[in-house]
Amino acid sequence: QVQLVESGGGLVQAGGSLRLSCAASGRTIRNYGLGWFRQAPGKEREFVAATRWSGTITDYADSVKGRFTISVDNAKNTVDLQMNSLKPEDTAVYYCAADGSAGGSWLSSTYYTNSRNYDYWGQGTQVTVSS
């Protein structure tokens, strides 16, 4: 079992920045696929960013490309999401997720952008961007 715990959410003004961190415990997540998703009130959970632990595959939703950066810290066993130039429409609960079978399937964006393909989830952290 892998436990994921997010931190770093909060309230920020439009144009500001936040850094979310997701700490993994219980098992090493080396070679896992890692993703960030978000869910706004009344909306479905949507893909934000993903990367393989090795960093060989990194991708972003079009809505955050150029503003968000996903990164892994091998020493801390964390996956972070740096969010810059935040907009009110970025307001949501942000979740990190891990896929233990991050093999050849991760060559397809259809696979890693689908939340159903992730095995482990954090509890979520609220991000609120005021206008």
Foldseek 3Di string as FASTA:
>chain_A
DKAKAKDWADEEAAQAKIKMKIAIDDDQQQQKKKFKWWDDPPGDIWGAWIATLVRPDIDGDPVQPPFWDWDADNVRSMIMIIGGRDDQVVWTWMKMFIANPPDPVVVDPVQVRDPVRTDYMYPTDTHGYHD
